[in-house]
Every structure is written in structure tokens, then in C-alpha cells.
Amino acid sequence: METVLATNDPVELAWARAVLAEAGIDHRVFDEQTSVLEGSIGAIPRRLVVPVEAASRARWLLASARRALDGPREGNDGDHG
């Protein structure tokens, strides 16, 4: 298993899990219980892990989905000339 995301943000974690689930990529969350035990102060990030052979695709999907959420940048209409 390989980590593709480490975060203390439960919303970001849920979003990333949904992206991977939609793509059919098997994934697990590590350190979820440890994070709860430490009092949810955010000292221990939860890790989203996938099988090693799916890591590159998972990272690409997460990056693409994040860009889609961010939308086009102001002043950048795609015209480079």
C-alpha cells in the first residue's frame, strides 16, 4: 500500500475517498483511530492509501479532480499567444 494523501481535514479525506471510489480504486484510511485517540487536535494526519500499482493513477485522479474544483484561474483564458 502507498500513501496518496495525508490530511487532518475530514472533508478533504471524504472527497478524496469519493474520487477514488468513483474510479473503482481500492483504498483504505490509516491512522483514523489513532487520530481519534489523540483527541482530534490534528497532530496525526489520516493517510489515504492505495495498492502500489494504483498509486500513480490515484494521484493523477486526485490532482485532476482538484484542478476541476479550482476552476480556471482568473486572467488565464488558455490563450498563450
Foldseek 3Di string as FASTA:
>chain_A
DDFLDWALDPVLVVVLVVLCVVVVFDKDKPCPVVCVVVPSPGPGTITIDGPPVCNVVSNVSSVVVVDVVVDDDPPCPPDPD
